[in-house]
Amino acid sequence: HGNMVAMTQTLLSIFGARVVSPSTGLLLNNGIMWFDPEPGRPN
């Protein structure tokens, strides 16, 4: 019918945080790395 989806999804790094949740079997993201750890900086 012409409906469209363009979808992007991520864990951020490859294998995310390189940590697996044992109760769920899921690889976990490392989204905290998106932030600059230096205080006072953008983001």
PDB file of all heavy atoms in Angstrom:
ATOM      1  N   HIS A   1       0.810  -1.213   0.000  1.00  0.00           N
ATOM      2  CA  HIS A   1       0.000   0.000   0.000  1.00  0.00           C
ATOM      3  C   HIS A   1       0.847   1.268   0.000  1.00  0.00           C
ATOM      4  O   HIS A   1       0.300   2.370  -0.059  1.00  0.00           O
ATOM      5  CB  HIS A   1      -0.924   0.002   1.220  1.00  0.00           C
ATOM      6  CG  HIS A   1      -1.820  -1.194   1.282  1.00  0.00           C
ATOM      7  ND1 HIS A   1      -2.817  -1.437   0.371  1.00  0.00           N
ATOM      8  CD2 HIS A   1      -1.842  -2.239   2.152  1.00  0.00           C
ATOM      9  CE1 HIS A   1      -3.434  -2.574   0.670  1.00  0.00           C
ATOM     10  NE2 HIS A   1      -2.851  -3.076   1.740  1.00  0.00           N
ATOM     11  N   GLY A   2       2.166   1.117   0.087  1.00  0.00           N
ATOM     12  CA  GLY A   2       3.052   2.270   0.072  1.00  0.00           C
ATOM     13  C   GLY A   2       3.452   2.784   1.434  1.00  0.00           C
ATOM     14  O   GLY A   2       4.187   3.775   1.532  1.00  0.00           O
ATOM     15  N   ASN A   3       2.989   2.143   2.528  1.00  0.00           N
ATOM     16  CA  ASN A   3       3.473   2.512   3.859  1.00  0.00           C
ATOM     17  C   ASN A   3       4.938   2.105   3.988  1.00  0.00           C
ATOM     18  O   ASN A   3       5.354   1.067   3.461  1.00  0.00           O
ATOM     19  CB  ASN A   3       2.649   1.821   4.943  1.00  0.00           C
ATOM     20  CG  ASN A   3       1.184   2.171   4.869  1.00  0.00           C
ATOM     21  OD1 ASN A   3       0.822   3.346   4.850  1.00  0.00           O
ATOM     22  ND2 ASN A   3       0.333   1.154   4.809  1.00  0.00           N
ATOM     23  N   MET A   4       5.713   2.907   4.691  1.00  0.00           N
ATOM     24  CA  MET A   4       7.147   2.653   4.803  1.00  0.00           C
ATOM     25  C   MET A   4       7.636   2.787   6.238  1.00  0.00           C
ATOM     26  O   MET A   4       7.060   3.532   7.034  1.00  0.00           O
ATOM     27  CB  MET A   4       7.944   3.627   3.929  1.00  0.00           C
ATOM     28  CG  MET A   4       7.755   3.438   2.437  1.00  0.00           C
ATOM     29  SD  MET A   4       8.831   4.572   1.502  1.00  0.00           S
ATOM     30  CE  MET A   4       8.515   3.978  -0.170  1.00  0.00           C
ATOM     31  N   VAL A   5       8.728   2.082   6.530  1.00  0.00           N
ATOM     32  CA  VAL A   5       9.440   2.206   7.797  1.00  0.00           C
ATOM     33  C   VAL A   5      10.932   2.240   7.491  1.00  0.00           C
ATOM     34  O   VAL A   5      11.436   1.419   6.726  1.00  0.00           O
ATOM     35  CB  VAL A   5       9.144   1.029   8.746  1.00  0.00           C
ATOM     36  CG1 VAL A   5      10.064   1.069   9.957  1.00  0.00           C
ATOM     37  CG2 VAL A   5       7.690   1.039   9.191  1.00  0.00           C
ATOM     38  N   ALA A   6      11.627   3.204   8.069  1.00  0.00           N
ATOM     39  CA  ALA A   6      13.091   3.222   8.090  1.00  0.00           C
ATOM     40  C   ALA A   6      13.481   3.178   9.558  1.00  0.00           C
ATOM     41  O   ALA A   6      13.240   4.134  10.294  1.00  0.00           O
ATOM     42  CB  ALA A   6      13.637   4.472   7.420  1.00  0.00           C
ATOM     43  N   MET A   7      14.059   2.066  10.013  1.00  0.00           N
ATOM     44  CA  MET A   7      14.257   1.835  11.448  1.00  0.00           C
ATOM     45  C   MET A   7      15.706   1.504  11.760  1.00  0.00           C
ATOM     46  O   MET A   7      16.299   0.606  11.160  1.00  0.00           O
ATOM     47  CB  MET A   7      13.352   0.700  11.923  1.00  0.00           C
ATOM     48  CG  MET A   7      13.459   0.417  13.410  1.00  0.00           C
ATOM     49  SD  MET A   7      12.115  -0.650  13.997  1.00  0.00           S
ATOM     50  CE  MET A   7      12.554  -0.797  15.723  1.00  0.00           C
ATOM     51  N   THR A   8      16.274   2.258  12.703  1.00  0.00           N
ATOM     52  CA  THR A   8      17.639   2.021  13.163  1.00  0.00           C
ATOM     53  C   THR A   8      17.616   1.661  14.639  1.00  0.00           C
ATOM     54  O   THR A   8      16.934   2.314  15.430  1.00  0.00           O
ATOM     55  CB  THR A   8      18.511   3.270  12.953  1.00  0.00           C
ATOM     56  OG1 THR A   8      18.343   3.759  11.625  1.00  0.00           O
ATOM     57  CG2 THR A   8      19.977   2.936  13.171  1.00  0.00           C
ATOM     58  N   GLN A   9      18.345   0.619  15.007  1.00  0.00           N
ATOM     59  CA  GLN A   9      18.401   0.171  16.406  1.00  0.00           C
ATOM     60  C   GLN A   9      19.823  -0.246  16.745  1.00  0.00           C
ATOM     61  O   GLN A   9      20.567  -0.711  15.882  1.00  0.00           O
ATOM     62  CB  GLN A   9      17.410  -0.963  16.650  1.00  0.00           C
ATOM     63  CG  GLN A   9      17.567  -2.170  15.737  1.00  0.00           C
ATOM     64  CD  GLN A   9      16.418  -3.150  15.876  1.00  0.00           C
ATOM     65  OE1 GLN A   9      15.250  -2.796  15.779  1.00  0.00           O
ATOM     66  NE2 GLN A   9      16.761  -4.419  16.114  1.00  0.00           N
ATOM     67  N   THR A  10      20.183  -0.069  18.018  1.00  0.00           N
ATOM     68  CA  THR A  10      21.594  -0.251  18.369  1.00  0.00           C
ATOM     69  C   THR A  10      21.777  -0.615  19.844  1.00  0.00           C
ATOM     70  O   THR A  10      20.932  -0.292  20.687  1.00  0.00           O
ATOM     71  CB  THR A  10      22.376   1.042  18.073  1.00  0.00           C
ATOM     72  OG1 THR A  10      23.764   0.833  18.308  1.00  0.00           O
ATOM     73  CG2 THR A  10      21.886   2.203  18.926  1.00  0.00           C
ATOM     74  N   LEU A  11      22.908  -1.270  20.125  1.00  0.00           N
ATOM     75  CA  LEU A  11      23.422  -1.427  21.487  1.00  0.00           C
ATOM     76  C   LEU A  11      24.528  -0.414  21.747  1.00  0.00           C
ATOM     77  O   LEU A  11      25.100  -0.388  22.826  1.00  0.00           O
ATOM     78  CB  LEU A  11      23.974  -2.835  21.705  1.00  0.00           C
ATOM     79  CG  LEU A  11      22.970  -3.995  21.693  1.00  0.00           C
ATOM     80  CD1 LEU A  11      23.705  -5.326  21.827  1.00  0.00           C
ATOM     81  CD2 LEU A  11      21.939  -3.848  22.802  1.00  0.00           C
ATOM     82  N   LEU A  12      24.840   0.406  20.769  1.00  0.00           N
ATOM     83  CA  LEU A  12      25.931   1.382  20.680  1.00  0.00           C
ATOM     84  C   LEU A  12      27.206   0.707  20.204  1.00  0.00           C
ATOM     85  O   LEU A  12      27.445   0.626  19.013  1.00  0.00           O
ATOM     86  CB  LEU A  12      26.149   2.154  21.974  1.00  0.00           C
ATOM     87  CG  LEU A  12      27.224   3.252  21.905  1.00  0.00           C
ATOM     88  CD1 LEU A  12      27.062   4.129  20.676  1.00  0.00           C
ATOM     89  CD2 LEU A  12      27.257   4.095  23.153  1.00  0.00           C
ATOM     90  N   SER A  13      28.060   0.191  21.078  1.00  0.00           N
ATOM     91  CA  SER A  13      29.258  -0.513  20.611  1.00  0.00           C
ATOM     92  C   SER A  13      28.890  -1.905  20.124  1.00  0.00           C
ATOM     93  O   SER A  13      27.813  -2.430  20.421  1.00  0.00           O
ATOM     94  CB  SER A  13      30.276  -0.647  21.749  1.00  0.00           C
ATOM     95  OG  SER A  13      30.809   0.595  22.099  1.00  0.00           O
ATOM     96  N   ILE A  14      29.800  -2.515  19.413  1.00  0.00           N
ATOM     97  CA  ILE A  14      29.609  -3.907  19.040  1.00  0.00           C
ATOM     98  C   ILE A  14      29.621  -4.748  20.322  1.00  0.00           C
ATOM     99  O   ILE A  14      30.484  -4.574  21.186  1.00  0.00           O
ATOM    100  CB  ILE A  14      30.692  -4.355  18.037  1.00  0.00           C
ATOM    101  CG1 ILE A  14      30.303  -5.669  17.379  1.00  0.00           C
ATOM    102  CG2 ILE A  14      32.055  -4.413  18.656  1.00  0.00           C
ATOM    103  CD1 ILE A  14      31.074  -5.962  16.112  1.00  0.00           C
ATOM    104  N   PHE A  15      28.600  -5.559  20.514  1.00  0.00           N
ATOM    105  CA  PHE A  15      28.337  -6.305  21.741  1.00  0.00           C
ATOM    106  C   PHE A  15      27.978  -5.391  22.911  1.00  0.00           C
ATOM    107  O   PHE A  15      27.981  -5.815  24.063  1.00  0.00           O
ATOM    108  CB  PHE A  15      29.511  -7.216  22.129  1.00  0.00           C
ATOM    109  CG  PHE A  15      29.655  -8.445  21.268  1.00  0.00           C
ATOM    110  CD1 PHE A  15      30.535  -8.447  20.197  1.00  0.00           C
ATOM    111  CD2 PHE A  15      28.906  -9.577  21.513  1.00  0.00           C
ATOM    112  CE1 PHE A  15      30.674  -9.576  19.385  1.00  0.00           C
ATOM    113  CE2 PHE A  15      29.035 -10.708  20.719  1.00  0.00           C
ATOM    114  CZ  PHE A  15      29.918 -10.712  19.641  1.00  0.00           C
ATOM    115  N   GLY A  16      27.655  -4.126  22.635  1.00  0.00           N
ATOM    116  CA  GLY A  16      27.218  -3.217  23.680  1.00  0.00           C
ATOM    117  C   GLY A  16      28.216  -3.102  24.820  1.00  0.00           C
ATOM    118  O   GLY A  16      29.409  -2.832  24.603  1.00  0.00           O
ATOM    119  N   ALA A  17      27.746  -3.329  26.051  1.00  0.00           N
ATOM    120  CA  ALA A  17      28.613  -3.261  27.234  1.00  0.00           C
ATOM    121  C   ALA A  17      29.440  -4.525  27.416  1.00  0.00           C
ATOM    122  O   ALA A  17      30.178  -4.640  28.393  1.00  0.00           O
ATOM    123  CB  ALA A  17      27.770  -3.026  28.481  1.00  0.00           C
ATOM    124  N   ARG A  18      29.316  -5.471  26.490  1.00  0.00           N
ATOM    125  CA  ARG A  18      29.983  -6.779  26.565  1.00  0.00           C
ATOM    126  C   ARG A  18      29.576  -7.514  27.827  1.00  0.00           C
ATOM    127  O   ARG A  18      30.354  -8.230  28.461  1.00  0.00           O
ATOM    128  CB  ARG A  18      31.511  -6.652  26.513  1.00  0.00           C
ATOM    129  CG  ARG A  18      32.052  -6.193  25.166  1.00  0.00           C
ATOM    130  CD  ARG A  18      32.043  -4.706  25.037  1.00  0.00           C
ATOM    131  NE  ARG A  18      32.823  -4.248  23.888  1.00  0.00           N
ATOM    132  CZ  ARG A  18      33.060  -2.964  23.627  1.00  0.00           C
ATOM    133  NH1 ARG A  18      32.592  -2.027  24.430  1.00  0.00           N
ATOM    134  NH2 ARG A  18      33.763  -2.621  22.580  1.00  0.00           N
ATOM    135  N   VAL A  19      28.318  -7.328  28.189  1.00  0.00           N
ATOM    136  CA  VAL A  19      27.752  -7.936  29.388  1.00  0.00           C
ATOM    137  C   VAL A  19      26.435  -8.599  29.012  1.00  0.00           C
ATOM    138  O   VAL A  19      25.633  -8.023  28.273  1.00  0.00           O
ATOM    139  CB  VAL A  19      27.505  -6.879  30.483  1.00  0.00           C
ATOM    140  CG1 VAL A  19      26.662  -7.440  31.609  1.00  0.00           C
ATOM    141  CG2 VAL A  19      28.827  -6.353  31.025  1.00  0.00           C
ATOM    142  N   VAL A  20      26.206  -9.801  29.509  1.00  0.00           N
ATOM    143  CA  VAL A  20      24.950 -10.509  29.303  1.00  0.00           C
ATOM    144  C   VAL A  20      24.191 -10.564  30.618  1.00  0.00           C
ATOM    145  O   VAL A  20      24.772 -10.859  31.677  1.00  0.00           O
ATOM    146  CB  VAL A  20      25.193 -11.936  28.771  1.00  0.00           C
ATOM    147  CG1 VAL A  20      23.924 -12.775  28.821  1.00  0.00           C
ATOM    148  CG2 VAL A  20      25.721 -11.875  27.334  1.00  0.00           C
ATOM    149  N   SER A  21      22.900 -10.253  30.558  1.00  0.00           N
ATOM    150  CA  SER A  21      22.022 -10.411  31.714  1.00  0.00           C
ATOM    151  C   SER A  21      21.704 -11.894  31.865  1.00  0.00           C
ATOM    152  O   SER A  21      21.040 -12.478  31.000  1.00  0.00           O
ATOM    153  CB  SER A  21      20.735  -9.607  31.498  1.00  0.00           C
ATOM    154  OG  SER A  21      19.679 -10.084  32.292  1.00  0.00           O
ATOM    155  N   PRO A  22      22.146 -12.557  32.939  1.00  0.00           N
ATOM    156  CA  PRO A  22      21.953 -14.005  33.046  1.00  0.00           C
ATOM    157  C   PRO A  22      20.489 -14.408  33.170  1.00  0.00           C
ATOM    158  O   PRO A  22      20.112 -15.494  32.727  1.00  0.00           O
ATOM    159  CB  PRO A  22      22.748 -14.379  34.301  1.00  0.00           C
ATOM    160  CG  PRO A  22      22.826 -13.122  35.101  1.00  0.00           C
ATOM    161  CD  PRO A  22      22.898 -12.018  34.094  1.00  0.00           C
ATOM    162  N   SER A  23      19.654 -13.555  33.746  1.00  0.00           N
ATOM    163  CA  SER A  23      18.241 -13.900  33.916  1.00  0.00           C
ATOM    164  C   SER A  23      17.456 -13.818  32.619  1.00  0.00           C
ATOM    165  O   SER A  23      16.447 -14.510  32.459  1.00  0.00           O
ATOM    166  CB  SER A  23      17.598 -12.978  34.958  1.00  0.00           C
ATOM    167  OG  SER A  23      18.250 -13.070  36.202  1.00  0.00           O
ATOM    168  N   THR A  24      17.910 -12.958  31.696  1.00  0.00           N
ATOM    169  CA  THR A  24      17.155 -12.736  30.452  1.00  0.00           C
ATOM    170  C   THR A  24      17.861 -13.244  29.210  1.00  0.00           C
ATOM    171  O   THR A  24      17.238 -13.400  28.162  1.00  0.00           O
ATOM    172  CB  THR A  24      16.881 -11.236  30.262  1.00  0.00           C
ATOM    173  OG1 THR A  24      18.129 -10.548  30.047  1.00  0.00           O
ATOM    174  CG2 THR A  24      16.174 -10.645  31.474  1.00  0.00           C
ATOM    175  N   GLY A  25      19.168 -13.484  29.291  1.00  0.00           N
ATOM    176  CA  GLY A  25      19.923 -13.912  28.123  1.00  0.00           C
ATOM    177  C   GLY A  25      20.197 -12.797  27.130  1.00  0.00           C
ATOM    178  O   GLY A  25      20.648 -13.066  26.009  1.00  0.00           O
ATOM    179  N   LEU A  26      19.948 -11.537  27.519  1.00  0.00           N
ATOM    180  CA  LEU A  26      20.107 -10.412  26.600  1.00  0.00           C
ATOM    181  C   LEU A  26      21.469  -9.752  26.765  1.00  0.00           C
ATOM    182  O   LEU A  26      21.953  -9.554  27.886  1.00  0.00           O
ATOM    183  CB  LEU A  26      19.022  -9.359  26.855  1.00  0.00           C
ATOM    184  CG  LEU A  26      17.567  -9.806  26.685  1.00  0.00           C
ATOM    185  CD1 LEU A  26      16.632  -8.653  27.011  1.00  0.00           C
ATOM    186  CD2 LEU A  26      17.314 -10.312  25.258  1.00  0.00           C
ATOM    187  N   LEU A  27      22.079  -9.395  25.633  1.00  0.00           N
ATOM    188  CA  LEU A  27      23.235  -8.512  25.666  1.00  0.00           C
ATOM    189  C   LEU A  27      22.760  -7.114  26.046  1.00  0.00           C
ATOM    190  O   LEU A  27      21.701  -6.667  25.596  1.00  0.00           O
ATOM    191  CB  LEU A  27      23.908  -8.470  24.296  1.00  0.00           C
ATOM    192  CG  LEU A  27      25.032  -9.474  24.037  1.00  0.00           C
ATOM    193  CD1 LEU A  27      25.330  -9.549  22.545  1.00  0.00           C
ATOM    194  CD2 LEU A  27      26.286  -9.092  24.803  1.00  0.00           C
ATOM    195  N   LEU A  28      23.551  -6.399  26.841  1.00  0.00           N
ATOM    196  CA  LEU A  28      23.153  -5.095  27.340  1.00  0.00           C
ATOM    197  C   LEU A  28      23.873  -3.979  26.596  1.00  0.00           C
ATOM    198  O   LEU A  28      25.013  -4.146  26.136  1.00  0.00           O
ATOM    199  CB  LEU A  28      23.454  -5.001  28.835  1.00  0.00           C
ATOM    200  CG  LEU A  28      22.810  -6.093  29.700  1.00  0.00           C
ATOM    201  CD1 LEU A  28      23.201  -5.905  31.162  1.00  0.00           C
ATOM    202  CD2 LEU A  28      21.294  -6.082  29.547  1.00  0.00           C
ATOM    203  N   ASN A  29      23.205  -2.843  26.480  1.00  0.00           N
ATOM    204  CA  ASN A  29      23.787  -1.688  25.796  1.00  0.00           C
ATOM    205  C   ASN A  29      24.890  -1.049  26.640  1.00  0.00           C
ATOM    206  O   ASN A  29      25.007  -1.306  27.841  1.00  0.00           O
ATOM    207  CB  ASN A  29      22.694  -0.659  25.504  1.00  0.00           C
ATOM    208  CG  ASN A  29      22.189   0.025  26.764  1.00  0.00           C
ATOM    209  OD1 ASN A  29      22.869   0.870  27.354  1.00  0.00           O
ATOM    210  ND2 ASN A  29      20.974  -0.353  27.204  1.00  0.00           N
ATOM    211  N   ASN A  30      25.690  -0.199  25.993  1.00  0.00           N
ATOM    212  CA  ASN A  30      26.630   0.652  26.733  1.00  0.00           C
ATOM    213  C   ASN A  30      26.360   2.120  26.394  1.00  0.00           C
ATOM    214  O   ASN A  30      27.256   2.899  26.046  1.00  0.00           O
ATOM    215  CB  ASN A  30      28.090   0.267  26.473  1.00  0.00           C
ATOM    216  CG  ASN A  30      28.521   0.440  25.027  1.00  0.00           C
ATOM    217  OD1 ASN A  30      27.701   0.406  24.111  1.00  0.00           O
ATOM    218  ND2 ASN A  30      29.818   0.610  24.810  1.00  0.00           N
ATOM    219  N   GLY A  31      25.085   2.496  26.525  1.00  0.00           N
ATOM    220  CA  GLY A  31      24.652   3.838  26.165  1.00  0.00           C
ATOM    221  C   GLY A  31      25.287   4.953  26.972  1.00  0.00           C
ATOM    222  O   GLY A  31      25.299   6.110  26.524  1.00  0.00           O
ATOM    223  N   ILE A  32      25.831   4.659  28.157  1.00  0.00           N
ATOM    224  CA  ILE A  32      26.483   5.696  28.959  1.00  0.00           C
ATOM    225  C   ILE A  32      27.688   6.268  28.217  1.00  0.00           C
ATOM    226  O   ILE A  32      28.081   7.419  28.428  1.00  0.00           O
ATOM    227  CB  ILE A  32      26.895   5.136  30.338  1.00  0.00           C
ATOM    228  CG1 ILE A  32      25.651   4.691  31.121  1.00  0.00           C
ATOM    229  CG2 ILE A  32      27.693   6.146  31.137  1.00  0.00           C
ATOM    230  CD1 ILE A  32      24.605   5.784  31.299  1.00  0.00           C
ATOM    231  N   MET A  33      28.257   5.478  27.298  1.00  0.00           N
ATOM    232  CA  MET A  33      29.417   5.968  26.558  1.00  0.00           C
ATOM    233  C   MET A  33      29.054   7.115  25.618  1.00  0.00           C
ATOM    234  O   MET A  33      29.930   7.835  25.142  1.00  0.00           O
ATOM    235  CB  MET A  33      30.062   4.826  25.769  1.00  0.00           C
ATOM    236  CG  MET A  33      31.436   5.177  25.230  1.00  0.00           C
ATOM    237  SD  MET A  33      32.233   3.815  24.388  1.00  0.00           S
ATOM    238  CE  MET A  33      31.101   3.514  23.063  1.00  0.00           C
ATOM    239  N   TRP A  34      27.755   7.313  25.320  1.00  0.00           N
ATOM    240  CA  TRP A  34      27.348   8.431  24.478  1.00  0.00           C
ATOM    241  C   TRP A  34      27.596   9.782  25.165  1.00  0.00           C
ATOM    242  O   TRP A  34      27.593  10.816  24.510  1.00  0.00           O
ATOM    243  CB  TRP A  34      25.873   8.310  24.118  1.00  0.00           C
ATOM    244  CG  TRP A  34      25.615   7.767  22.751  1.00  0.00           C
ATOM    245  CD1 TRP A  34      26.217   8.135  21.587  1.00  0.00           C
ATOM    246  CD2 TRP A  34      24.657   6.775  22.398  1.00  0.00           C
ATOM    247  NE1 TRP A  34      25.699   7.431  20.529  1.00  0.00           N
ATOM    248  CE2 TRP A  34      24.741   6.581  20.998  1.00  0.00           C
ATOM    249  CE3 TRP A  34      23.732   6.030  23.124  1.00  0.00           C
ATOM    250  CZ2 TRP A  34      23.929   5.692  20.314  1.00  0.00           C
ATOM    251  CZ3 TRP A  34      22.929   5.132  22.437  1.00  0.00           C
ATOM    252  CH2 TRP A  34      23.024   4.966  21.056  1.00  0.00           C
ATOM    253  N   PHE A  35      27.774   9.782  26.476  1.00  0.00           N
ATOM    254  CA  PHE A  35      27.957  11.026  27.210  1.00  0.00           C
ATOM    255  C   PHE A  35      29.436  11.342  27.394  1.00  0.00           C
ATOM    256  O   PHE A  35      30.257  10.449  27.618  1.00  0.00           O
ATOM    257  CB  PHE A  35      27.295  10.934  28.590  1.00  0.00           C
ATOM    258  CG  PHE A  35      25.813  10.765  28.546  1.00  0.00           C
ATOM    259  CD1 PHE A  35      25.236   9.517  28.749  1.00  0.00           C
ATOM    260  CD2 PHE A  35      24.984  11.849  28.293  1.00  0.00           C
ATOM    261  CE1 PHE A  35      23.865   9.343  28.717  1.00  0.00           C
ATOM    262  CE2 PHE A  35      23.608  11.692  28.257  1.00  0.00           C
ATOM    263  CZ  PHE A  35      23.044  10.443  28.462  1.00  0.00           C
ATOM    264  N   ASP A  36      29.755  12.624  27.332  1.00  0.00           N
ATOM    265  CA  ASP A  36      31.113  13.087  27.595  1.00  0.00           C
ATOM    266  C   ASP A  36      31.341  13.041  29.107  1.00  0.00           C
ATOM    267  O   ASP A  36      30.610  13.686  29.866  1.00  0.00           O
ATOM    268  CB  ASP A  36      31.275  14.512  27.073  1.00  0.00           C
ATOM    269  CG  ASP A  36      32.725  14.983  27.078  1.00  0.00           C
ATOM    270  OD1 ASP A  36      33.512  14.470  27.884  1.00  0.00           O
ATOM    271  OD2 ASP A  36      33.053  15.874  26.268  1.00  0.00           O
ATOM    272  N   PRO A  37      32.342  12.295  29.597  1.00  0.00           N
ATOM    273  CA  PRO A  37      32.551  12.197  31.048  1.00  0.00           C
ATOM    274  C   PRO A  37      33.194  13.436  31.656  1.00  0.00           C
ATOM    275  O   PRO A  37      33.295  13.527  32.886  1.00  0.00           O
ATOM    276  CB  PRO A  37      33.479  10.978  31.178  1.00  0.00           C
ATOM    277  CG  PRO A  37      34.257  10.975  29.896  1.00  0.00           C
ATOM    278  CD  PRO A  37      33.296  11.443  28.845  1.00  0.00           C
ATOM    279  N   GLU A  38      33.624  14.378  30.824  1.00  0.00           N
ATOM    280  CA  GLU A  38      34.271  15.580  31.342  1.00  0.00           C
ATOM    281  C   GLU A  38      33.213  16.607  31.721  1.00  0.00           C
ATOM    282  O   GLU A  38      32.428  17.051  30.870  1.00  0.00           O
ATOM    283  CB  GLU A  38      35.219  16.152  30.292  1.00  0.00           C
ATOM    284  CG  GLU A  38      36.139  17.217  30.830  1.00  0.00           C
ATOM    285  CD  GLU A  38      37.262  17.560  29.853  1.00  0.00           C
ATOM    286  OE1 GLU A  38      37.363  16.901  28.794  1.00  0.00           O
ATOM    287  OE2 GLU A  38      38.034  18.485  30.153  1.00  0.00           O
ATOM    288  N   PRO A  39      33.141  17.017  32.983  1.00  0.00           N
ATOM    289  CA  PRO A  39      32.109  17.962  33.428  1.00  0.00           C
ATOM    290  C   PRO A  39      32.167  19.276  32.650  1.00  0.00           C
ATOM    291  O   PRO A  39      33.239  19.736  32.241  1.00  0.00           O
ATOM    292  CB  PRO A  39      32.445  18.183  34.905  1.00  0.00           C
ATOM    293  CG  PRO A  39      33.244  16.984  35.308  1.00  0.00           C
ATOM    294  CD  PRO A  39      34.025  16.595  34.089  1.00  0.00           C
ATOM    295  N   GLY A  40      30.982  19.859  32.432  1.00  0.00           N
ATOM    296  CA  GLY A  40      30.901  21.157  31.790  1.00  0.00           C
ATOM    297  C   GLY A  40      30.936  21.142  30.286  1.00  0.00           C
ATOM    298  O   GLY A  40      30.833  22.192  29.649  1.00  0.00           O
ATOM    299  N   ARG A  41      31.051  19.970  29.692  1.00  0.00           N
ATOM    300  CA  ARG A  41      31.109  19.861  28.230  1.00  0.00           C
ATOM    301  C   ARG A  41      29.702  19.677  27.664  1.00  0.00           C
ATOM    302  O   ARG A  41      28.782  19.252  28.380  1.00  0.00           O
ATOM    303  CB  ARG A  41      31.976  18.659  27.845  1.00  0.00           C
ATOM    304  CG  ARG A  41      33.380  18.693  28.419  1.00  0.00           C
ATOM    305  CD  ARG A  41      34.319  19.476  27.555  1.00  0.00           C
ATOM    306  NE  ARG A  41      34.495  18.798  26.263  1.00  0.00           N
ATOM    307  CZ  ARG A  41      35.201  19.303  25.254  1.00  0.00           C
ATOM    308  NH1 ARG A  41      35.752  20.502  25.376  1.00  0.00           N
ATOM    309  NH2 ARG A  41      35.338  18.641  24.124  1.00  0.00           N
ATOM    310  N   PRO A  42      29.506  19.983  26.348  1.00  0.00           N
ATOM    311  CA  PRO A  42      28.223  19.627  25.735  1.00  0.00           C
ATOM    312  C   PRO A  42      27.986  18.116  25.873  1.00  0.00           C
ATOM    313  O   PRO A  42      28.919  17.327  25.729  1.00  0.00           O
ATOM    314  CB  PRO A  42      28.421  20.026  24.267  1.00  0.00           C
ATOM    315  CG  PRO A  42      29.510  21.041  24.272  1.00  0.00           C
ATOM    316  CD  PRO A  42      30.416  20.649  25.395  1.00  0.00           C
ATOM    317  N   ASN A  43      26.782  17.749  26.195  1.00  0.00           N
ATOM    318  CA  ASN A  43      26.442  16.338  26.349  1.00  0.00           C
ATOM    319  C   ASN A  43      27.188  15.683  27.508  1.00  0.00           C
ATOM    320  O   ASN A  43      27.526  14.498  27.458  1.00  0.00           O
ATOM    321  CB  ASN A  43      26.709  15.560  25.038  1.00  0.00           C
ATOM    322  CG  ASN A  43      26.107  14.175  25.037  1.00  0.00           C
ATOM    323  OD1 ASN A  43      24.999  13.967  25.501  1.00  0.00           O
ATOM    324  ND2 ASN A  43      26.852  13.221  24.525  1.00  0.00           N
TER     325      ASN A  43
END
